Amino acid sequence: MKLPFSFNLKFVFRLLFPGFVVSLALFPALRATCNKLYITIQSEYLIILSTLIAGWLFIVLDMHIYMVLEGRRYWPNWLRKLFQRSEERRLKRYGEEYNRAKETDRIKYTELSVELRRFPLNSRGERIASYPTRLGNLLLAYEEYPLRVYGMDSVFYWYRIWMAIDDDLREHIDTQQALADSSVYMTAALFFTGLILIGYALLQQIGITLINPFPTSQFLLTLGAISMGLSWFLYRISLHLHATFGELFKSLFDMHKDKVPVDNVINLISSLAKDNHIKGASNSDKYMIAWRYLHNYKIKTEQGVVSAATLFERD
């Protein structure tokens, strides 16, 4: 759900910060490569160029970075199951403490209610741990809100509401999203930096030193471990940013869902299906019907869900 960035503070958050961190870690390797190939380039220009390229790659890989941190893809099954059980235990613990605190500790009760809202709901209205990470469950908790409350697929209708709101509101929302994105990119950047530093240490152990003078392998291993520790710490403290943006995301649907008119599409679908009852459906059903047609080119009839192309052929 990202839109093109411009050269402003959001550009700094999304591109320069993570790009600079990774470019500093890559500098020894890049410097050694340039020297080996007899490429003459000043170090400051090398850092600037590598910062822009690395930052651009973070933006290009945005969806994949989120999928990894959410636990949606690229996880080994054994690791996914391990973390999934951890999230389920965390949810169970919060639920038990929440019930105990209801009558005894109002402050703890309120705080736990906030934590529980960071888990998505199932069809019975019960909190569940759908993903193996805190970020994955938190994002799903607010992304499923428009579908659950209004029958609006969040990704599909997000872009359509985005095009309908005014520029000031759009700028405010994108700035808040840039802060959340930056925390995710920096989490990944610090983790990659740790891997790079550990890689340098391993190269030194086999007698390969990229540039002189170079820190000892023990120092590089320590620095790599610190970088990975900072990555985990930033990930944990960034969850509040994502929760804040999640409330903004839900509010946008609450306040501006009517900016996406679907009546013309509903009239077309009603005509194709030869079913006037569709025009009298609830708003929630209309959004679902319109989504099914516009997104999948499908229409639900008395005979089941069929391709709209089939109904056009009949006409």
Protein backbone atom coordinates (compact mmCIF):
# COMPACT_ATOMS: atom_id res chain seq x y z
CA MET A 1 0.00 0.00 0.00
CA LYS A 2 2.84 2.38 -0.86
CA LEU A 3 2.80 5.39 -3.12
CA PRO A 4 5.76 7.14 -4.83
CA PHE A 5 7.91 9.22 -2.47
CA SER A 6 9.09 12.80 -3.07
CA PHE A 7 12.33 14.50 -2.09
CA ASN A 8 11.36 15.63 1.39
CA LEU A 9 11.48 14.36 4.97
CA LYS A 10 9.77 11.15 3.87
CA PHE A 11 12.62 10.62 1.40
CA VAL A 12 15.04 10.83 4.32
CA PHE A 13 13.02 8.37 6.41
CA ARG A 14 12.44 5.80 3.69
CA LEU A 15 15.66 5.97 1.68
CA LEU A 16 18.56 7.87 3.22
CA PHE A 17 18.55 6.45 6.75
CA PRO A 18 18.58 2.74 5.87
CA GLY A 19 20.69 3.30 2.77
CA PHE A 20 23.38 5.14 4.72
CA VAL A 21 23.61 2.44 7.41
CA VAL A 22 24.12 -0.33 4.86
CA SER A 23 26.50 1.75 2.71
CA LEU A 24 28.80 2.32 5.71
CA ALA A 25 28.96 -1.42 6.28
CA LEU A 26 29.59 -2.09 2.59
CA PHE A 27 32.20 0.65 2.23
CA PRO A 28 35.29 -1.55 2.87
CA ALA A 29 34.14 -4.07 0.26
CA LEU A 30 33.23 -1.35 -2.24
CA ARG A 31 36.51 0.49 -1.66
CA ALA A 32 38.53 -2.70 -2.12
CA THR A 33 36.59 -3.57 -5.29
CA CYS A 34 37.19 -0.12 -6.79
CA ASN A 35 40.91 -0.33 -5.99
CA LYS A 36 41.12 -3.82 -7.48
CA LEU A 37 39.45 -2.65 -10.69
CA TYR A 38 41.48 0.60 -10.76
CA ILE A 39 38.33 2.69 -10.54
CA THR A 40 39.11 6.16 -9.24
CA ILE A 41 36.32 7.56 -7.10
CA GLN A 42 36.53 9.58 -3.93
CA SER A 43 35.27 7.85 -0.78
CA GLU A 44 32.58 10.44 -0.05
CA TYR A 45 31.11 10.02 -3.53
CA LEU A 46 31.25 6.26 -3.17
CA ILE A 47 29.27 6.47 0.08
CA ILE A 48 26.70 8.85 -1.43
CA LEU A 49 26.19 6.64 -4.48
CA SER A 50 25.95 3.43 -2.46
CA THR A 51 23.54 5.12 -0.01
CA LEU A 52 21.15 6.05 -2.81
CA ILE A 53 21.34 2.62 -4.43
CA ALA A 54 20.91 0.72 -1.14
CA GLY A 55 18.05 3.00 -0.08
CA TRP A 56 16.35 2.55 -3.43
CA LEU A 57 16.64 -1.23 -3.05
CA PHE A 58 14.92 -1.04 0.33
CA ILE A 59 11.98 0.76 -1.29
CA VAL A 60 11.88 -1.73 -4.19
CA LEU A 61 11.98 -4.64 -1.73
CA ASP A 62 9.45 -3.01 0.60
CA MET A 63 6.80 -5.73 0.28
CA HIS A 64 9.29 -8.55 0.70
CA ILE A 65 10.81 -6.95 3.81
CA TYR A 66 7.35 -6.60 5.34
CA MET A 67 6.47 -10.19 4.45
CA VAL A 68 9.58 -11.47 6.22
CA LEU A 69 9.01 -9.39 9.35
CA GLU A 70 5.32 -10.30 9.42
CA GLY A 71 6.11 -13.98 9.05
CA ARG A 72 3.99 -14.32 5.92
CA ARG A 73 6.67 -15.79 3.64
CA TYR A 74 10.28 -17.00 3.40
CA TRP A 75 10.25 -18.70 6.83
CA PRO A 76 11.22 -22.36 7.27
CA ASN A 77 8.22 -24.35 8.51
CA TRP A 78 9.91 -25.36 11.77
CA LEU A 79 10.76 -21.74 12.59
CA ARG A 80 7.29 -20.51 11.67
CA LYS A 81 5.68 -23.12 13.93
CA LEU A 82 8.05 -22.25 16.79
CA PHE A 83 7.25 -18.54 16.66
CA GLN A 84 3.56 -19.22 16.01
CA ARG A 85 3.33 -21.13 19.28
CA SER A 86 5.13 -18.28 21.01
CA GLU A 87 2.56 -15.76 19.75
CA GLU A 88 -0.29 -18.07 20.78
CA ARG A 89 1.17 -18.35 24.29
CA ARG A 90 1.55 -14.57 24.45
CA LEU A 91 -2.09 -14.09 23.48
CA LYS A 92 -3.22 -16.66 26.02
CA ARG A 93 -1.15 -14.99 28.75
CA TYR A 94 -2.58 -11.56 27.94
CA GLY A 95 -6.10 -12.99 27.98
CA GLU A 96 -5.65 -14.58 31.37
CA GLU A 97 -4.07 -11.47 32.88
CA TYR A 98 -6.79 -9.32 31.31
CA ASN A 99 -9.54 -11.37 32.97
CA ARG A 100 -7.79 -11.26 36.35
CA ALA A 101 -7.16 -7.52 36.15
CA LYS A 102 -10.75 -6.66 35.20
CA GLU A 103 -11.86 -6.35 38.83
CA THR A 104 -8.53 -5.68 40.58
CA ASP A 105 -6.27 -3.42 38.52
CA ARG A 106 -7.97 -0.92 36.23
CA ILE A 107 -4.71 0.47 34.79
CA LYS A 108 -3.34 -2.96 33.91
CA TYR A 109 -6.74 -3.93 32.54
CA THR A 110 -6.70 -0.94 30.19
CA GLU A 111 -3.12 -1.58 29.03
CA LEU A 112 -3.85 -5.23 28.37
CA SER A 113 -6.93 -4.31 26.34
CA VAL A 114 -4.62 -2.27 24.08
CA GLU A 115 -2.26 -5.23 23.69
CA LEU A 116 -5.13 -7.58 22.89
CA ARG A 117 -6.38 -5.26 20.15
CA ARG A 118 -3.07 -5.87 18.40
CA PHE A 119 -4.30 -9.37 17.53
CA PRO A 120 -6.80 -9.98 14.71
CA LEU A 121 -10.29 -11.39 15.22
CA ASN A 122 -11.71 -14.61 13.83
CA SER A 123 -15.26 -15.04 12.47
CA ARG A 124 -16.56 -15.56 16.04
CA GLY A 125 -15.07 -12.30 17.30
CA GLU A 126 -12.26 -14.03 19.23
CA ARG A 127 -8.69 -12.77 19.26
CA ILE A 128 -6.29 -15.12 17.47
CA ALA A 129 -2.59 -15.23 16.60
CA SER A 130 -2.64 -15.63 12.82
CA TYR A 131 1.04 -14.91 12.21
CA PRO A 132 4.25 -15.90 14.02
CA THR A 133 5.36 -12.31 14.74
CA ARG A 134 4.02 -9.33 16.66
CA LEU A 135 4.19 -7.15 13.57
CA GLY A 136 2.29 -9.65 11.44
CA ASN A 137 -0.58 -9.92 13.90
CA LEU A 138 -0.66 -6.17 14.48
CA LEU A 139 -0.85 -5.32 10.77
CA LEU A 140 -3.51 -7.95 10.15
CA ALA A 141 -5.53 -6.62 13.09
CA TYR A 142 -6.03 -3.28 11.40
CA GLU A 143 -5.97 -4.44 7.77
CA GLU A 144 -8.90 -6.80 8.35
CA TYR A 145 -10.93 -4.04 10.03
CA PRO A 146 -12.50 -2.54 6.83
CA LEU A 147 -13.56 -5.99 5.62
CA ARG A 148 -14.99 -7.02 8.98
CA VAL A 149 -16.87 -3.76 9.62
CA TYR A 150 -17.76 -2.47 6.15
CA GLY A 151 -17.25 -5.41 3.79
CA MET A 152 -14.42 -3.49 2.10
CA ASP A 153 -11.26 -5.31 1.08
CA SER A 154 -8.61 -3.10 2.68
CA VAL A 155 -5.99 -3.22 -0.09
CA PHE A 156 -8.46 -2.86 -2.95
CA TYR A 157 -10.43 0.05 -1.49
CA TRP A 158 -7.44 1.77 0.14
CA TYR A 159 -6.17 3.06 -3.20
CA ARG A 160 -9.60 4.26 -4.24
CA ILE A 161 -10.13 6.22 -1.03
CA TRP A 162 -6.59 7.55 -1.38
CA MET A 163 -7.42 9.05 -4.77
CA ALA A 164 -10.56 10.71 -3.37
CA ILE A 165 -9.17 12.49 -0.29
CA ASP A 166 -7.62 15.97 -0.39
CA ASP A 167 -3.90 16.64 -0.71
CA ASP A 168 -3.37 17.83 2.88
CA LEU A 169 -4.87 14.68 4.36
CA ARG A 170 -2.98 12.52 1.91
CA GLU A 171 0.29 14.20 2.87
CA HIS A 172 -0.39 13.75 6.58
CA ILE A 173 -1.18 10.05 6.19
CA ASP A 174 1.83 9.40 3.98
CA THR A 175 4.13 11.11 6.48
CA GLN A 176 2.85 8.87 9.26
CA GLN A 177 3.30 5.84 7.04
CA ALA A 178 6.84 6.95 6.16
CA LEU A 179 7.74 6.87 9.87
CA ALA A 180 6.44 3.32 10.16
CA ASP A 181 8.17 2.28 6.94
CA SER A 182 11.44 3.79 8.11
CA SER A 183 11.42 1.69 11.26
CA VAL A 184 10.95 -1.47 9.19
CA TYR A 185 13.68 -0.51 6.71
CA MET A 186 16.09 0.38 9.53
CA THR A 187 15.35 -2.93 11.25
CA ALA A 188 16.31 -4.74 8.05
CA ALA A 189 19.31 -2.42 7.46
CA LEU A 190 20.78 -3.06 10.91
CA PHE A 191 20.28 -6.80 10.51
CA PHE A 192 22.01 -6.79 7.09
CA THR A 193 24.79 -4.66 8.56
CA GLY A 194 25.32 -7.25 11.25
CA LEU A 195 25.57 -9.99 8.62
CA ILE A 196 28.06 -7.96 6.60
CA LEU A 197 30.28 -7.32 9.63
CA ILE A 198 30.21 -10.99 10.57
CA GLY A 199 31.13 -11.77 6.97
CA TYR A 200 34.17 -9.48 7.24
CA ALA A 201 35.20 -11.27 10.43
CA LEU A 202 34.97 -14.67 8.72
CA LEU A 203 37.03 -13.41 5.79
CA GLN A 204 39.72 -12.25 8.19
CA GLN A 205 39.78 -15.69 9.78
CA ILE A 206 40.77 -17.19 6.42
CA GLY A 207 43.34 -14.46 5.81
CA ILE A 208 41.41 -12.06 3.56
CA THR A 209 41.59 -8.39 4.60
CA LEU A 210 39.79 -5.96 2.35
CA ILE A 211 41.47 -2.69 3.32
CA ASN A 212 44.15 -1.65 5.78
CA PRO A 213 43.98 -0.83 8.58
CA PHE A 214 41.00 -3.04 9.44
CA PRO A 215 39.49 -3.94 12.85
CA THR A 216 40.17 -7.36 14.33
CA SER A 217 37.77 -10.22 13.66
CA GLN A 218 36.74 -10.25 17.35
CA PHE A 219 35.82 -6.58 17.17
CA LEU A 220 33.87 -7.12 13.94
CA LEU A 221 31.95 -10.04 15.46
CA THR A 222 31.08 -7.93 18.49
CA LEU A 223 30.00 -5.03 16.29
CA GLY A 224 27.90 -7.38 14.16
CA ALA A 225 26.17 -8.79 17.23
CA ILE A 226 25.46 -5.27 18.50
CA SER A 227 23.99 -4.30 15.12
CA MET A 228 21.67 -7.31 15.16
CA GLY A 229 20.70 -6.53 18.75
CA LEU A 230 19.83 -2.97 17.75
CA SER A 231 17.78 -4.36 14.87
CA TRP A 232 15.68 -6.41 17.28
CA PHE A 233 15.35 -3.50 19.72
CA LEU A 234 14.22 -1.11 16.98
CA TYR A 235 11.72 -3.67 15.74
CA ARG A 236 10.16 -3.97 19.18
CA ILE A 237 9.92 -0.26 19.88
CA SER A 238 8.58 0.46 16.38
CA LEU A 239 5.42 -1.54 17.02
CA HIS A 240 3.82 1.52 18.60
CA LEU A 241 4.40 3.46 15.37
CA HIS A 242 2.61 0.76 13.41
CA ALA A 243 -0.23 0.66 15.92
CA THR A 244 -0.63 4.44 15.64
CA PHE A 245 -0.71 4.27 11.85
CA GLY A 246 -3.17 1.39 12.12
CA GLU A 247 -5.64 3.59 13.99
CA LEU A 248 -5.19 6.25 11.30
CA PHE A 249 -5.76 3.59 8.64
CA LYS A 250 -9.01 2.46 10.26
CA SER A 251 -10.15 6.04 10.77
CA LEU A 252 -9.69 6.75 7.07
CA PHE A 253 -12.22 4.05 6.22
CA ASP A 254 -14.57 5.21 9.00
CA MET A 255 -14.59 8.80 7.78
CA HIS A 256 -14.14 8.48 4.01
CA LYS A 257 -15.54 5.13 2.86
CA ASP A 258 -18.44 6.95 1.18
CA LYS A 259 -15.99 8.61 -1.20
CA VAL A 260 -15.90 5.32 -3.12
CA PRO A 261 -19.27 5.11 -4.94
CA VAL A 262 -20.20 1.64 -6.17
CA ASP A 263 -23.81 2.20 -7.27
CA ASN A 264 -22.98 2.28 -10.99
CA VAL A 265 -21.13 -1.02 -10.70
CA ILE A 266 -23.97 -2.51 -8.65
CA ASN A 267 -26.49 -1.47 -11.32
CA LEU A 268 -24.37 -3.17 -13.98
CA ILE A 269 -24.03 -6.33 -11.93
CA SER A 270 -27.76 -6.36 -11.19
CA SER A 271 -28.49 -6.10 -14.88
CA LEU A 272 -26.04 -8.87 -15.81
CA ALA A 273 -27.28 -11.20 -13.08
CA LYS A 274 -30.90 -10.26 -13.82
CA ASP A 275 -31.41 -9.83 -10.09
CA ASN A 276 -32.91 -6.54 -8.88
CA HIS A 277 -32.47 -7.61 -5.26
CA ILE A 278 -28.78 -6.76 -5.60
CA LYS A 279 -29.67 -3.04 -5.75
CA GLY A 280 -31.32 -3.33 -2.35
CA ALA A 281 -28.41 -5.10 -0.68
CA SER A 282 -26.75 -3.60 2.38
CA ASN A 283 -23.78 -1.30 1.88
CA SER A 284 -21.48 -4.01 3.23
CA ASP A 285 -22.78 -6.51 0.68
CA LYS A 286 -22.54 -3.94 -2.11
CA TYR A 287 -18.87 -3.34 -1.39
CA MET A 288 -18.25 -7.10 -1.48
CA ILE A 289 -20.23 -7.54 -4.69
CA ALA A 290 -18.41 -4.66 -6.37
CA TRP A 291 -15.03 -5.99 -5.19
CA ARG A 292 -15.78 -9.46 -6.52
CA TYR A 293 -16.65 -8.03 -9.93
CA LEU A 294 -13.92 -5.39 -10.23
CA HIS A 295 -11.13 -7.45 -8.67
CA ASN A 296 -11.94 -10.96 -9.90
CA TYR A 297 -14.44 -10.31 -12.71
CA LYS A 298 -16.87 -12.62 -10.91
CA ILE A 299 -20.57 -12.27 -10.12
CA LYS A 300 -22.52 -14.27 -7.56
CA THR A 301 -25.79 -15.58 -8.95
CA GLU A 302 -28.37 -18.16 -7.87
CA GLN A 303 -26.27 -20.77 -9.69
CA GLY A 304 -23.15 -19.74 -7.73
CA VAL A 305 -20.18 -17.51 -8.51
CA VAL A 306 -19.62 -17.25 -12.26
CA SER A 307 -17.39 -15.28 -14.58
CA ALA A 308 -18.85 -11.96 -15.70
CA ALA A 309 -17.67 -12.79 -19.22
CA THR A 310 -20.15 -15.67 -19.29
CA LEU A 311 -23.04 -13.33 -18.44
CA PHE A 312 -21.93 -10.82 -21.07
CA GLU A 313 -21.98 -13.60 -23.67
CA ARG A 314 -25.55 -14.51 -22.69
CA ASP A 315 -26.64 -10.90 -23.26
